[in-house]
Amino acid sequence: MNKTTRTLFDKLRSPDGDARYRTFLHVLEETDKRVDWAYEVWDQLVEGLHDGDNHQRAIAAQVLANLAKSDPQNRMAKAFPALLKLTRDEKFVTARHCLQSLWKVGAAGVRQRESEVV
């Protein structure tokens, strides 16, 4: 993983909520277009869907949904059930953020729309 990407994703775990939010907005902006580093952070984001911190779960869900357009290997097919499960998260705000991002998976392409939901 390149240094810039590593730094951004480290800042997403910052205890400083303002710094974390600014970084989150920057990452969302970067991932509004296709990126070549999606798989460098993919597994970290999938793991983040199960994080004990609801903020981290919400961040992981939203960034992962944004990265669907950068997924030529169709890894989303395996990650989608965990994303869908997060729409029923114990924290309403986390569930809502995930739900509001799911459309990006379908908009990314035919293969993502055809992913099986378990």
PDB file of N, CA and C in Angstrom:
ATOM      1  N   MET A   1       0.855  -1.169   0.000  1.00  0.00           N
ATOM      2  CA  MET A   1       0.000   0.000   0.000  1.00  0.00           C
ATOM      3  C   MET A   1       0.902   1.233   0.000  1.00  0.00           C
ATOM      4  N   ASN A   2       0.549   2.207  -0.829  1.00  0.00           N
ATOM      5  CA  ASN A   2       1.391   3.392  -0.864  1.00  0.00           C
ATOM      6  C   ASN A   2       1.216   4.201   0.426  1.00  0.00           C
ATOM      7  N   LYS A   3       2.183   5.053   0.684  1.00  0.00           N
ATOM      8  CA  LYS A   3       2.229   5.792   1.945  1.00  0.00           C
ATOM      9  C   LYS A   3       1.011   6.711   2.130  1.00  0.00           C
ATOM     10  N   THR A   4       0.587   7.358   1.073  1.00  0.00           N
ATOM     11  CA  THR A   4      -0.553   8.277   1.168  1.00  0.00           C
ATOM     12  C   THR A   4      -1.826   7.529   1.551  1.00  0.00           C
ATOM     13  N   THR A   5      -2.064   6.403   0.897  1.00  0.00           N
ATOM     14  CA  THR A   5      -3.256   5.610   1.203  1.00  0.00           C
ATOM     15  C   THR A   5      -3.189   5.086   2.625  1.00  0.00           C
ATOM     16  N   ARG A   6      -2.031   4.584   3.039  1.00  0.00           N
ATOM     17  CA  ARG A   6      -1.856   4.064   4.407  1.00  0.00           C
ATOM     18  C   ARG A   6      -2.141   5.169   5.427  1.00  0.00           C
ATOM     19  N   THR A   7      -1.611   6.360   5.183  1.00  0.00           N
ATOM     20  CA  THR A   7      -1.823   7.479   6.101  1.00  0.00           C
ATOM     21  C   THR A   7      -3.306   7.824   6.209  1.00  0.00           C
ATOM     22  N   LEU A   8      -3.987   7.887   5.067  1.00  0.00           N
ATOM     23  CA  LEU A   8      -5.427   8.186   5.083  1.00  0.00           C
ATOM     24  C   LEU A   8      -6.196   7.161   5.901  1.00  0.00           C
ATOM     25  N   PHE A   9      -5.918   5.890   5.670  1.00  0.00           N
ATOM     26  CA  PHE A   9      -6.671   4.846   6.357  1.00  0.00           C
ATOM     27  C   PHE A   9      -6.292   4.739   7.829  1.00  0.00           C
ATOM     28  N   ASP A  10      -5.075   5.117   8.176  1.00  0.00           N
ATOM     29  CA  ASP A  10      -4.708   5.212   9.591  1.00  0.00           C
ATOM     30  C   ASP A  10      -5.489   6.342  10.260  1.00  0.00           C
ATOM     31  N   LYS A  11      -5.639   7.466   9.564  1.00  0.00           N
ATOM     32  CA  LYS A  11      -6.371   8.606  10.123  1.00  0.00           C
ATOM     33  C   LYS A  11      -7.856   8.295  10.298  1.00  0.00           C
ATOM     34  N   LEU A  12      -8.376   7.348   9.528  1.00  0.00           N
ATOM     35  CA  LEU A  12      -9.777   6.957   9.704  1.00  0.00           C
ATOM     36  C   LEU A  12     -10.008   6.295  11.060  1.00  0.00           C
ATOM     37  N   ARG A  13      -8.950   5.874  11.710  1.00  0.00           N
ATOM     38  CA  ARG A  13      -9.056   5.248  13.031  1.00  0.00           C
ATOM     39  C   ARG A  13      -8.669   6.219  14.143  1.00  0.00           C
ATOM     40  N   SER A  14      -8.509   7.479  13.805  1.00  0.00           N
ATOM     41  CA  SER A  14      -8.098   8.486  14.778  1.00  0.00           C
ATOM     42  C   SER A  14      -9.123   8.626  15.902  1.00  0.00           C
ATOM     43  N   PRO A  15      -8.647   8.801  17.139  1.00  0.00           N
ATOM     44  CA  PRO A  15      -9.577   9.065  18.237  1.00  0.00           C
ATOM     45  C   PRO A  15     -10.161  10.488  18.175  1.00  0.00           C
ATOM     46  N   ASP A  16      -9.534  11.341  17.378  1.00  0.00           N
ATOM     47  CA  ASP A  16     -10.023  12.709  17.189  1.00  0.00           C
ATOM     48  C   ASP A  16     -11.153  12.672  16.166  1.00  0.00           C
ATOM     49  N   GLY A  17     -12.380  12.835  16.632  1.00  0.00           N
ATOM     50  CA  GLY A  17     -13.549  12.727  15.769  1.00  0.00           C
ATOM     51  C   GLY A  17     -13.547  13.707  14.605  1.00  0.00           C
ATOM     52  N   ASP A  18     -13.085  14.923  14.829  1.00  0.00           N
ATOM     53  CA  ASP A  18     -13.045  15.920  13.750  1.00  0.00           C
ATOM     54  C   ASP A  18     -12.049  15.520  12.667  1.00  0.00           C
ATOM     55  N   ALA A  19     -10.860  15.090  13.089  1.00  0.00           N
ATOM     56  CA  ALA A  19      -9.843  14.663  12.123  1.00  0.00           C
ATOM     57  C   ALA A  19     -10.319  13.434  11.355  1.00  0.00           C
ATOM     58  N   ARG A  20     -10.949  12.512  12.075  1.00  0.00           N
ATOM     59  CA  ARG A  20     -11.463  11.292  11.438  1.00  0.00           C
ATOM     60  C   ARG A  20     -12.527  11.639  10.407  1.00  0.00           C
ATOM     61  N   TYR A  21     -13.414  12.578  10.740  1.00  0.00           N
ATOM     62  CA  TYR A  21     -14.489  12.957   9.823  1.00  0.00           C
ATOM     63  C   TYR A  21     -13.941  13.654   8.578  1.00  0.00           C
ATOM     64  N   ARG A  22     -12.989  14.560   8.764  1.00  0.00           N
ATOM     65  CA  ARG A  22     -12.371  15.238   7.612  1.00  0.00           C
ATOM     66  C   ARG A  22     -11.704  14.221   6.683  1.00  0.00           C
ATOM     67  N   THR A  23     -11.010  13.260   7.272  1.00  0.00           N
ATOM     68  CA  THR A  23     -10.362  12.220   6.479  1.00  0.00           C
ATOM     69  C   THR A  23     -11.399  11.368   5.771  1.00  0.00           C
ATOM     70  N   PHE A  24     -12.459  11.030   6.470  1.00  0.00           N
ATOM     71  CA  PHE A  24     -13.544  10.236   5.885  1.00  0.00           C
ATOM     72  C   PHE A  24     -14.129  10.936   4.658  1.00  0.00           C
ATOM     73  N   LEU A  25     -14.398  12.223   4.784  1.00  0.00           N
ATOM     74  CA  LEU A  25     -14.925  12.979   3.638  1.00  0.00           C
ATOM     75  C   LEU A  25     -13.943  12.973   2.472  1.00  0.00           C
ATOM     76  N   HIS A  26     -12.662  13.084   2.779  1.00  0.00           N
ATOM     77  CA  HIS A  26     -11.641  13.052   1.728  1.00  0.00           C
ATOM     78  C   HIS A  26     -11.618  11.680   1.038  1.00  0.00           C
ATOM     79  N   VAL A  27     -11.685  10.617   1.828  1.00  0.00           N
ATOM     80  CA  VAL A  27     -11.678   9.260   1.254  1.00  0.00           C
ATOM     81  C   VAL A  27     -12.921   9.050   0.390  1.00  0.00           C
ATOM     82  N   LEU A  28     -14.078   9.517   0.844  1.00  0.00           N
ATOM     83  CA  LEU A  28     -15.288   9.393   0.028  1.00  0.00           C
ATOM     84  C   LEU A  28     -15.140  10.148  -1.291  1.00  0.00           C
ATOM     85  N   GLU A  29     -14.544  11.320  -1.227  1.00  0.00           N
ATOM     86  CA  GLU A  29     -14.327  12.095  -2.446  1.00  0.00           C
ATOM     87  C   GLU A  29     -13.391  11.362  -3.399  1.00  0.00           C
ATOM     88  N   GLU A  30     -12.317  10.796  -2.861  1.00  0.00           N
ATOM     89  CA  GLU A  30     -11.369  10.043  -3.687  1.00  0.00           C
ATOM     90  C   GLU A  30     -12.026   8.825  -4.326  1.00  0.00           C
ATOM     91  N   THR A  31     -12.901   8.163  -3.579  1.00  0.00           N
ATOM     92  CA  THR A  31     -13.516   6.929  -4.071  1.00  0.00           C
ATOM     93  C   THR A  31     -14.798   7.174  -4.853  1.00  0.00           C
ATOM     94  N   ASP A  32     -15.121   8.426  -5.100  1.00  0.00           N
ATOM     95  CA  ASP A  32     -16.242   8.722  -5.992  1.00  0.00           C
ATOM     96  C   ASP A  32     -15.911   8.340  -7.431  1.00  0.00           C
ATOM     97  N   LYS A  33     -14.642   8.175  -7.692  1.00  0.00           N
ATOM     98  CA  LYS A  33     -14.184   7.711  -9.010  1.00  0.00           C
ATOM     99  C   LYS A  33     -13.435   6.402  -8.788  1.00  0.00           C
ATOM    100  N   ARG A  34     -13.170   5.710  -9.863  1.00  0.00           N
ATOM    101  CA  ARG A  34     -12.404   4.468  -9.750  1.00  0.00           C
ATOM    102  C   ARG A  34     -10.996   4.760  -9.248  1.00  0.00           C
ATOM    103  N   VAL A  35     -10.523   3.889  -8.382  1.00  0.00           N
ATOM    104  CA  VAL A  35      -9.167   4.004  -7.850  1.00  0.00           C
ATOM    105  C   VAL A  35      -8.442   2.684  -8.073  1.00  0.00           C
ATOM    106  N   ASP A  36      -7.128   2.754  -8.198  1.00  0.00           N
ATOM    107  CA  ASP A  36      -6.355   1.540  -8.449  1.00  0.00           C
ATOM    108  C   ASP A  36      -5.863   0.878  -7.157  1.00  0.00           C
ATOM    109  N   TRP A  37      -6.172   1.464  -6.019  1.00  0.00           N
ATOM    110  CA  TRP A  37      -5.694   0.926  -4.747  1.00  0.00           C
ATOM    111  C   TRP A  37      -6.800   0.250  -3.926  1.00  0.00           C
ATOM    112  N   ALA A  38      -7.930  -0.006  -4.521  1.00  0.00           N
ATOM    113  CA  ALA A  38      -9.072  -0.570  -3.777  1.00  0.00           C
ATOM    114  C   ALA A  38      -8.712  -1.858  -3.039  1.00  0.00           C
ATOM    115  N   TYR A  39      -7.995  -2.740  -3.695  1.00  0.00           N
ATOM    116  CA  TYR A  39      -7.705  -4.026  -3.065  1.00  0.00           C
ATOM    117  C   TYR A  39      -6.630  -3.927  -1.991  1.00  0.00           C
ATOM    118  N   GLU A  40      -5.950  -2.805  -1.931  1.00  0.00           N
ATOM    119  CA  GLU A  40      -4.979  -2.591  -0.866  1.00  0.00           C
ATOM    120  C   GLU A  40      -5.668  -2.384   0.476  1.00  0.00           C
ATOM    121  N   VAL A  41      -6.898  -1.924   0.445  1.00  0.00           N
ATOM    122  CA  VAL A  41      -7.640  -1.649   1.683  1.00  0.00           C
ATOM    123  C   VAL A  41      -8.884  -2.524   1.816  1.00  0.00           C
ATOM    124  N   TRP A  42      -9.180  -3.307   0.798  1.00  0.00           N
ATOM    125  CA  TRP A  42     -10.428  -4.077   0.756  1.00  0.00           C
ATOM    126  C   TRP A  42     -10.631  -4.953   1.994  1.00  0.00           C
ATOM    127  N   ASP A  43      -9.644  -5.794   2.305  1.00  0.00           N
ATOM    128  CA  ASP A  43      -9.789  -6.713   3.441  1.00  0.00           C
ATOM    129  C   ASP A  43      -9.937  -5.963   4.757  1.00  0.00           C
ATOM    130  N   GLN A  44      -9.215  -4.865   4.894  1.00  0.00           N
ATOM    131  CA  GLN A  44      -9.316  -4.030   6.089  1.00  0.00           C
ATOM    132  C   GLN A  44     -10.742  -3.495   6.241  1.00  0.00           C
ATOM    133  N   LEU A  45     -11.341  -3.085   5.142  1.00  0.00           N
ATOM    134  CA  LEU A  45     -12.706  -2.562   5.196  1.00  0.00           C
ATOM    135  C   LEU A  45     -13.713  -3.660   5.509  1.00  0.00           C
ATOM    136  N   VAL A  46     -13.543  -4.824   4.913  1.00  0.00           N
ATOM    137  CA  VAL A  46     -14.453  -5.943   5.199  1.00  0.00           C
ATOM    138  C   VAL A  46     -14.373  -6.302   6.684  1.00  0.00           C
ATOM    139  N   GLU A  47     -13.157  -6.336   7.233  1.00  0.00           N
ATOM    140  CA  GLU A  47     -13.003  -6.590   8.666  1.00  0.00           C
ATOM    141  C   GLU A  47     -13.672  -5.485   9.481  1.00  0.00           C
ATOM    142  N   GLY A  48     -13.580  -4.253   8.997  1.00  0.00           N
ATOM    143  CA  GLY A  48     -14.174  -3.121   9.692  1.00  0.00           C
ATOM    144  C   GLY A  48     -15.682  -3.204   9.822  1.00  0.00           C
ATOM    145  N   LEU A  49     -16.322  -3.986   8.971  1.00  0.00           N
ATOM    146  CA  LEU A  49     -17.775  -4.168   9.070  1.00  0.00           C
ATOM    147  C   LEU A  49     -18.174  -4.856  10.368  1.00  0.00           C
ATOM    148  N   HIS A  50     -17.190  -5.499  11.025  1.00  0.00           N
ATOM    149  CA  HIS A  50     -17.441  -6.242  12.260  1.00  0.00           C
ATOM    150  C   HIS A  50     -16.752  -5.597  13.462  1.00  0.00           C
ATOM    151  N   ASP A  51     -16.242  -4.394  13.293  1.00  0.00           N
ATOM    152  CA  ASP A  51     -15.513  -3.688  14.348  1.00  0.00           C
ATOM    153  C   ASP A  51     -16.435  -3.436  15.546  1.00  0.00           C
ATOM    154  N   GLY A  52     -15.872  -3.392  16.722  1.00  0.00           N
ATOM    155  CA  GLY A  52     -16.644  -3.108  17.923  1.00  0.00           C
ATOM    156  C   GLY A  52     -17.117  -1.665  18.020  1.00  0.00           C
ATOM    157  N   ASP A  53     -16.497  -0.777  17.260  1.00  0.00           N
ATOM    158  CA  ASP A  53     -16.847   0.649  17.254  1.00  0.00           C
ATOM    159  C   ASP A  53     -17.817   0.910  16.107  1.00  0.00           C
ATOM    160  N   ASN A  54     -19.003   1.388  16.428  1.00  0.00           N
ATOM    161  CA  ASN A  54     -20.001   1.587  15.383  1.00  0.00           C
ATOM    162  C   ASN A  54     -19.566   2.635  14.358  1.00  0.00           C
ATOM    163  N   HIS A  55     -18.741   3.598  14.763  1.00  0.00           N
ATOM    164  CA  HIS A  55     -18.242   4.579  13.802  1.00  0.00           C
ATOM    165  C   HIS A  55     -17.380   3.889  12.745  1.00  0.00           C
ATOM    166  N   GLN A  56     -16.555   2.954  13.184  1.00  0.00           N
ATOM    167  CA  GLN A  56     -15.691   2.230  12.254  1.00  0.00           C
ATOM    168  C   GLN A  56     -16.511   1.337  11.325  1.00  0.00           C
ATOM    169  N   ARG A  57     -17.588   0.735  11.851  1.00  0.00           N
ATOM    170  CA  ARG A  57     -18.452  -0.084  11.002  1.00  0.00           C
ATOM    171  C   ARG A  57     -19.101   0.774   9.919  1.00  0.00           C
ATOM    172  N   ALA A  58     -19.574   1.950  10.309  1.00  0.00           N
ATOM    173  CA  ALA A  58     -20.231   2.849   9.348  1.00  0.00           C
ATOM    174  C   ALA A  58     -19.244   3.333   8.290  1.00  0.00           C
ATOM    175  N   ILE A  59     -18.040   3.700   8.716  1.00  0.00           N
ATOM    176  CA  ILE A  59     -17.010   4.143   7.771  1.00  0.00           C
ATOM    177  C   ILE A  59     -16.683   3.027   6.796  1.00  0.00           C
ATOM    178  N   ALA A  60     -16.466   1.827   7.322  1.00  0.00           N
ATOM    179  CA  ALA A  60     -16.117   0.688   6.467  1.00  0.00           C
ATOM    180  C   ALA A  60     -17.209   0.419   5.439  1.00  0.00           C
ATOM    181  N   ALA A  61     -18.450   0.459   5.862  1.00  0.00           N
ATOM    182  CA  ALA A  61     -19.572   0.183   4.954  1.00  0.00           C
ATOM    183  C   ALA A  61     -19.643   1.217   3.834  1.00  0.00           C
ATOM    184  N   GLN A  62     -19.526   2.473   4.195  1.00  0.00           N
ATOM    185  CA  GLN A  62     -19.661   3.531   3.197  1.00  0.00           C
ATOM    186  C   GLN A  62     -18.500   3.552   2.215  1.00  0.00           C
ATOM    187  N   VAL A  63     -17.298   3.348   2.699  1.00  0.00           N
ATOM    188  CA  VAL A  63     -16.137   3.345   1.803  1.00  0.00           C
ATOM    189  C   VAL A  63     -16.172   2.095   0.922  1.00  0.00           C
ATOM    190  N   LEU A  64     -16.516   0.959   1.496  1.00  0.00           N
ATOM    191  CA  LEU A  64     -16.599  -0.276   0.703  1.00  0.00           C
ATOM    192  C   LEU A  64     -17.641  -0.145  -0.404  1.00  0.00           C
ATOM    193  N   ALA A  65     -18.790   0.436  -0.096  1.00  0.00           N
ATOM    194  CA  ALA A  65     -19.818   0.643  -1.121  1.00  0.00           C
ATOM    195  C   ALA A  65     -19.289   1.570  -2.220  1.00  0.00           C
ATOM    196  N   ASN A  66     -18.541   2.587  -1.836  1.00  0.00           N
ATOM    197  CA  ASN A  66     -17.948   3.487  -2.828  1.00  0.00           C
ATOM    198  C   ASN A  66     -16.928   2.769  -3.704  1.00  0.00           C
ATOM    199  N   LEU A  67     -16.255   1.780  -3.148  1.00  0.00           N
ATOM    200  CA  LEU A  67     -15.228   1.058  -3.906  1.00  0.00           C
ATOM    201  C   LEU A  67     -15.801  -0.002  -4.838  1.00  0.00           C
ATOM    202  N   ALA A  68     -17.089  -0.218  -4.819  1.00  0.00           N
ATOM    203  CA  ALA A  68     -17.689  -1.227  -5.703  1.00  0.00           C
ATOM    204  C   ALA A  68     -17.346  -0.964  -7.164  1.00  0.00           C
ATOM    205  N   LYS A  69     -17.236   0.278  -7.540  1.00  0.00           N
ATOM    206  CA  LYS A  69     -16.895   0.629  -8.935  1.00  0.00           C
ATOM    207  C   LYS A  69     -15.438   0.323  -9.259  1.00  0.00           C
ATOM    208  N   SER A  70     -14.637   0.062  -8.238  1.00  0.00           N
ATOM    209  CA  SER A  70     -13.213  -0.243  -8.404  1.00  0.00           C
ATOM    210  C   SER A  70     -12.951  -1.715  -8.123  1.00  0.00           C
ATOM    211  N   ASP A  71     -13.906  -2.562  -8.430  1.00  0.00           N
ATOM    212  CA  ASP A  71     -13.861  -3.986  -8.068  1.00  0.00           C
ATOM    213  C   ASP A  71     -13.993  -4.891  -9.286  1.00  0.00           C
ATOM    214  N   PRO A  72     -12.998  -4.914 -10.178  1.00  0.00           N
ATOM    215  CA  PRO A  72     -13.112  -5.771 -11.361  1.00  0.00           C
ATOM    216  C   PRO A  72     -13.087  -7.269 -11.042  1.00  0.00           C
ATOM    217  N   GLN A  73     -12.584  -7.634  -9.864  1.00  0.00           N
ATOM    218  CA  GLN A  73     -12.540  -9.048  -9.472  1.00  0.00           C
ATOM    219  C   GLN A  73     -13.848  -9.509  -8.821  1.00  0.00           C
ATOM    220  N   ASN A  74     -14.802  -8.582  -8.693  1.00  0.00           N
ATOM    221  CA  ASN A  74     -16.107  -8.862  -8.096  1.00  0.00           C
ATOM    222  C   ASN A  74     -16.011  -9.433  -6.673  1.00  0.00           C
ATOM    223  N   ARG A  75     -15.119  -8.877  -5.888  1.00  0.00           N
ATOM    224  CA  ARG A  75     -15.022  -9.268  -4.479  1.00  0.00           C
ATOM    225  C   ARG A  75     -16.269  -8.852  -3.702  1.00  0.00           C
ATOM    226  N   MET A  76     -16.998  -7.902  -4.244  1.00  0.00           N
ATOM    227  CA  MET A  76     -18.215  -7.444  -3.574  1.00  0.00           C
ATOM    228  C   MET A  76     -19.206  -8.585  -3.386  1.00  0.00           C
ATOM    229  N   ALA A  77     -19.175  -9.559  -4.278  1.00  0.00           N
ATOM    230  CA  ALA A  77     -20.107 -10.694  -4.159  1.00  0.00           C
ATOM    231  C   ALA A  77     -19.947 -11.383  -2.808  1.00  0.00           C
ATOM    232  N   LYS A  78     -18.708 -11.474  -2.314  1.00  0.00           N
ATOM    233  CA  LYS A  78     -18.471 -12.094  -1.008  1.00  0.00           C
ATOM    234  C   LYS A  78     -18.736 -11.121   0.141  1.00  0.00           C
ATOM    235  N   ALA A  79     -18.497  -9.842  -0.084  1.00  0.00           N
ATOM    236  CA  ALA A  79     -18.643  -8.851   0.985  1.00  0.00           C
ATOM    237  C   ALA A  79     -20.091  -8.391   1.170  1.00  0.00           C
ATOM    238  N   PHE A  80     -20.891  -8.528   0.132  1.00  0.00           N
ATOM    239  CA  PHE A  80     -22.244  -7.964   0.168  1.00  0.00           C
ATOM    240  C   PHE A  80     -23.115  -8.494   1.306  1.00  0.00           C
ATOM    241  N   PRO A  81     -23.092  -9.797   1.606  1.00  0.00           N
ATOM    242  CA  PRO A  81     -23.927 -10.259   2.722  1.00  0.00           C
ATOM    243  C   PRO A  81     -23.597  -9.549   4.047  1.00  0.00           C
ATOM    244  N   ALA A  82     -22.321  -9.266   4.298  1.00  0.00           N
ATOM    245  CA  ALA A  82     -21.948  -8.557   5.523  1.00  0.00           C
ATOM    246  C   ALA A  82     -22.433  -7.110   5.479  1.00  0.00           C
ATOM    247  N   LEU A  83     -22.370  -6.496   4.304  1.00  0.00           N
ATOM    248  CA  LEU A  83     -22.900  -5.139   4.150  1.00  0.00           C
ATOM    249  C   LEU A  83     -24.404  -5.129   4.409  1.00  0.00           C
ATOM    250  N   LEU A  84     -25.090  -6.082   3.829  1.00  0.00           N
ATOM    251  CA  LEU A  84     -26.538  -6.152   4.000  1.00  0.00           C
ATOM    252  C   LEU A  84     -26.909  -6.389   5.461  1.00  0.00           C
ATOM    253  N   LYS A  85     -26.163  -7.233   6.133  1.00  0.00           N
ATOM    254  CA  LYS A  85     -26.418  -7.500   7.548  1.00  0.00           C
ATOM    255  C   LYS A  85     -26.253  -6.221   8.377  1.00  0.00           C
ATOM    256  N   LEU A  86     -25.311  -5.383   7.987  1.00  0.00           N
ATOM    257  CA  LEU A  86     -25.065  -4.142   8.721  1.00  0.00           C
ATOM    258  C   LEU A  86     -26.242  -3.175   8.633  1.00  0.00           C
ATOM    259  N   THR A  87     -27.135  -3.377   7.687  1.00  0.00           N
ATOM    260  CA  THR A  87     -28.326  -2.518   7.612  1.00  0.00           C
ATOM    261  C   THR A  87     -29.266  -2.783   8.794  1.00  0.00           C
ATOM    262  N   ARG A  88     -28.979  -3.820   9.551  1.00  0.00           N
ATOM    263  CA  ARG A  88     -29.758  -4.134  10.753  1.00  0.00           C
ATOM    264  C   ARG A  88     -28.884  -4.016  12.004  1.00  0.00           C
ATOM    265  N   ASP A  89     -27.887  -3.152  11.941  1.00  0.00           N
ATOM    266  CA  ASP A  89     -26.950  -2.958  13.047  1.00  0.00           C
ATOM    267  C   ASP A  89     -27.694  -2.520  14.304  1.00  0.00           C
ATOM    268  N   GLU A  90     -27.138  -2.845  15.447  1.00  0.00           N
ATOM    269  CA  GLU A  90     -27.738  -2.452  16.730  1.00  0.00           C
ATOM    270  C   GLU A  90     -27.806  -0.934  16.898  1.00  0.00           C
ATOM    271  N   LYS A  91     -26.888  -0.230  16.257  1.00  0.00           N
ATOM    272  CA  LYS A  91     -26.898   1.234  16.292  1.00  0.00           C
ATOM    273  C   LYS A  91     -27.638   1.734  15.049  1.00  0.00           C
ATOM    274  N   PHE A  92     -28.743   2.406  15.264  1.00  0.00           N
ATOM    275  CA  PHE A  92     -29.571   2.856  14.154  1.00  0.00           C
ATOM    276  C   PHE A  92     -28.791   3.697  13.145  1.00  0.00           C
ATOM    277  N   VAL A  93     -27.959   4.607  13.633  1.00  0.00           N
ATOM    278  CA  VAL A  93     -27.231   5.505  12.730  1.00  0.00           C
ATOM    279  C   VAL A  93     -26.270   4.718  11.830  1.00  0.00           C
ATOM    280  N   THR A  94     -25.667   3.681  12.360  1.00  0.00           N
ATOM    281  CA  THR A  94     -24.769   2.835  11.569  1.00  0.00           C
ATOM    282  C   THR A  94     -25.558   2.108  10.488  1.00  0.00           C
ATOM    283  N   ALA A  95     -26.683   1.537  10.883  1.00  0.00           N
ATOM    284  CA  ALA A  95     -27.544   0.843   9.923  1.00  0.00           C
ATOM    285  C   ALA A  95     -28.003   1.800   8.823  1.00  0.00           C
ATOM    286  N   ARG A  96     -28.373   3.011   9.209  1.00  0.00           N
ATOM    287  CA  ARG A  96     -28.845   4.003   8.237  1.00  0.00           C
ATOM    288  C   ARG A  96     -27.741   4.398   7.257  1.00  0.00           C
ATOM    289  N   HIS A  97     -26.541   4.649   7.763  1.00  0.00           N
ATOM    290  CA  HIS A  97     -25.430   5.017   6.873  1.00  0.00           C
ATOM    291  C   HIS A  97     -25.139   3.902   5.876  1.00  0.00           C
ATOM    292  N   CYS A  98     -25.176   2.668   6.341  1.00  0.00           N
ATOM    293  CA  CYS A  98     -24.937   1.537   5.445  1.00  0.00           C
ATOM    294  C   CYS A  98     -26.038   1.437   4.398  1.00  0.00           C
ATOM    295  N   LEU A  99     -27.261   1.512   4.842  1.00  0.00           N
ATOM    296  CA  LEU A  99     -28.402   1.418   3.931  1.00  0.00           C
ATOM    297  C   LEU A  99     -28.356   2.507   2.864  1.00  0.00           C
ATOM    298  N   GLN A 100     -27.993   3.714   3.276  1.00  0.00           N
ATOM    299  CA  GLN A 100     -27.934   4.832   2.337  1.00  0.00           C
ATOM    300  C   GLN A 100     -26.812   4.675   1.306  1.00  0.00           C
ATOM    301  N   SER A 101     -25.855   3.795   1.570  1.00  0.00           N
ATOM    302  CA  SER A 101     -24.728   3.611   0.653  1.00  0.00           C
ATOM    303  C   SER A 101     -24.895   2.422  -0.296  1.00  0.00           C
ATOM    304  N   LEU A 102     -25.802   1.525   0.018  1.00  0.00           N
ATOM    305  CA  LEU A 102     -25.917   0.285  -0.755  1.00  0.00           C
ATOM    306  C   LEU A 102     -26.234   0.492  -2.227  1.00  0.00           C
ATOM    307  N   TRP A 103     -26.922   1.558  -2.573  1.00  0.00           N
ATOM    308  CA  TRP A 103     -27.266   1.798  -3.977  1.00  0.00           C
ATOM    309  C   TRP A 103     -26.006   1.877  -4.843  1.00  0.00           C
ATOM    310  N   LYS A 104     -24.898   2.290  -4.246  1.00  0.00           N
ATOM    311  CA  LYS A 104     -23.661   2.441  -5.007  1.00  0.00           C
ATOM    312  C   LYS A 104     -23.137   1.093  -5.494  1.00  0.00           C
ATOM    313  N   VAL A 105     -23.456   0.047  -4.768  1.00  0.00           N
ATOM    314  CA  VAL A 105     -23.041  -1.297  -5.192  1.00  0.00           C
ATOM    315  C   VAL A 105     -23.777  -1.673  -6.472  1.00  0.00           C
ATOM    316  N   GLY A 106     -25.081  -1.466  -6.488  1.00  0.00           N
ATOM    317  CA  GLY A 106     -25.873  -1.770  -7.679  1.00  0.00           C
ATOM    318  C   GLY A 106     -25.517  -0.883  -8.854  1.00  0.00           C
ATOM    319  N   ALA A 107     -25.207   0.364  -8.572  1.00  0.00           N
ATOM    320  CA  ALA A 107     -24.864   1.302  -9.644  1.00  0.00           C
ATOM    321  C   ALA A 107     -23.494   1.012 -10.245  1.00  0.00           C
ATOM    322  N   ALA A 108     -22.683   0.237  -9.539  1.00  0.00           N
ATOM    323  CA  ALA A 108     -21.319  -0.024 -10.002  1.00  0.00           C
ATOM    324  C   ALA A 108     -21.275  -0.913 -11.242  1.00  0.00           C
ATOM    325  N   GLY A 109     -22.263  -1.787 -11.395  1.00  0.00           N
ATOM    326  CA  GLY A 109     -22.232  -2.627 -12.574  1.00  0.00           C
ATOM    327  C   GLY A 109     -23.118  -3.843 -12.485  1.00  0.00           C
ATOM    328  N   VAL A 110     -23.240  -4.512 -13.598  1.00  0.00           N
ATOM    329  CA  VAL A 110     -24.110  -5.682 -13.712  1.00  0.00           C
ATOM    330  C   VAL A 110     -23.667  -6.787 -12.760  1.00  0.00           C
ATOM    331  N   ARG A 111     -22.368  -7.060 -12.689  1.00  0.00           N
ATOM    332  CA  ARG A 111     -21.888  -8.154 -11.835  1.00  0.00           C
ATOM    333  C   ARG A 111     -22.238  -7.903 -10.374  1.00  0.00           C
ATOM    334  N   GLN A 112     -22.144  -6.656  -9.926  1.00  0.00           N
ATOM    335  CA  GLN A 112     -22.486  -6.354  -8.547  1.00  0.00           C
ATOM    336  C   GLN A 112     -23.989  -6.514  -8.322  1.00  0.00           C
ATOM    337  N   ARG A 113     -24.798  -6.109  -9.271  1.00  0.00           N
ATOM    338  CA  ARG A 113     -26.249  -6.252  -9.130  1.00  0.00           C
ATOM    339  C   ARG A 113     -26.675  -7.709  -9.122  1.00  0.00           C
ATOM    340  N   GLU A 114     -25.897  -8.561  -9.762  1.00  0.00           N
ATOM    341  CA  GLU A 114     -26.240  -9.978  -9.839  1.00  0.00           C
ATOM    342  C   GLU A 114     -25.684 -10.784  -8.669  1.00  0.00           C
ATOM    343  N   SER A 115     -24.971 -10.132  -7.745  1.00  0.00           N
ATOM    344  CA  SER A 115     -24.417 -10.826  -6.575  1.00  0.00           C
ATOM    345  C   SER A 115     -25.541 -11.462  -5.787  1.00  0.00           C
ATOM    346  N   GLU A 116     -25.304 -12.687  -5.362  1.00  0.00           N
ATOM    347  CA  GLU A 116     -26.317 -13.400  -4.585  1.00  0.00           C
ATOM    348  C   GLU A 116     -26.391 -12.807  -3.193  1.00  0.00           C
ATOM    349  N   VAL A 117     -27.580 -12.657  -2.705  1.00  0.00           N
ATOM    350  CA  VAL A 117     -27.791 -12.205  -1.340  1.00  0.00           C
ATOM    351  C   VAL A 117     -28.191 -13.425  -0.530  1.00  0.00           C
ATOM    352  N   VAL A 118     -27.411 -13.709   0.504  1.00  0.00           N
ATOM    353  CA  VAL A 118     -27.667 -14.881   1.331  1.00  0.00           C
ATOM    354  C   VAL A 118     -28.444 -14.485   2.546  1.00  0.00           C
TER     355      VAL A 118
END
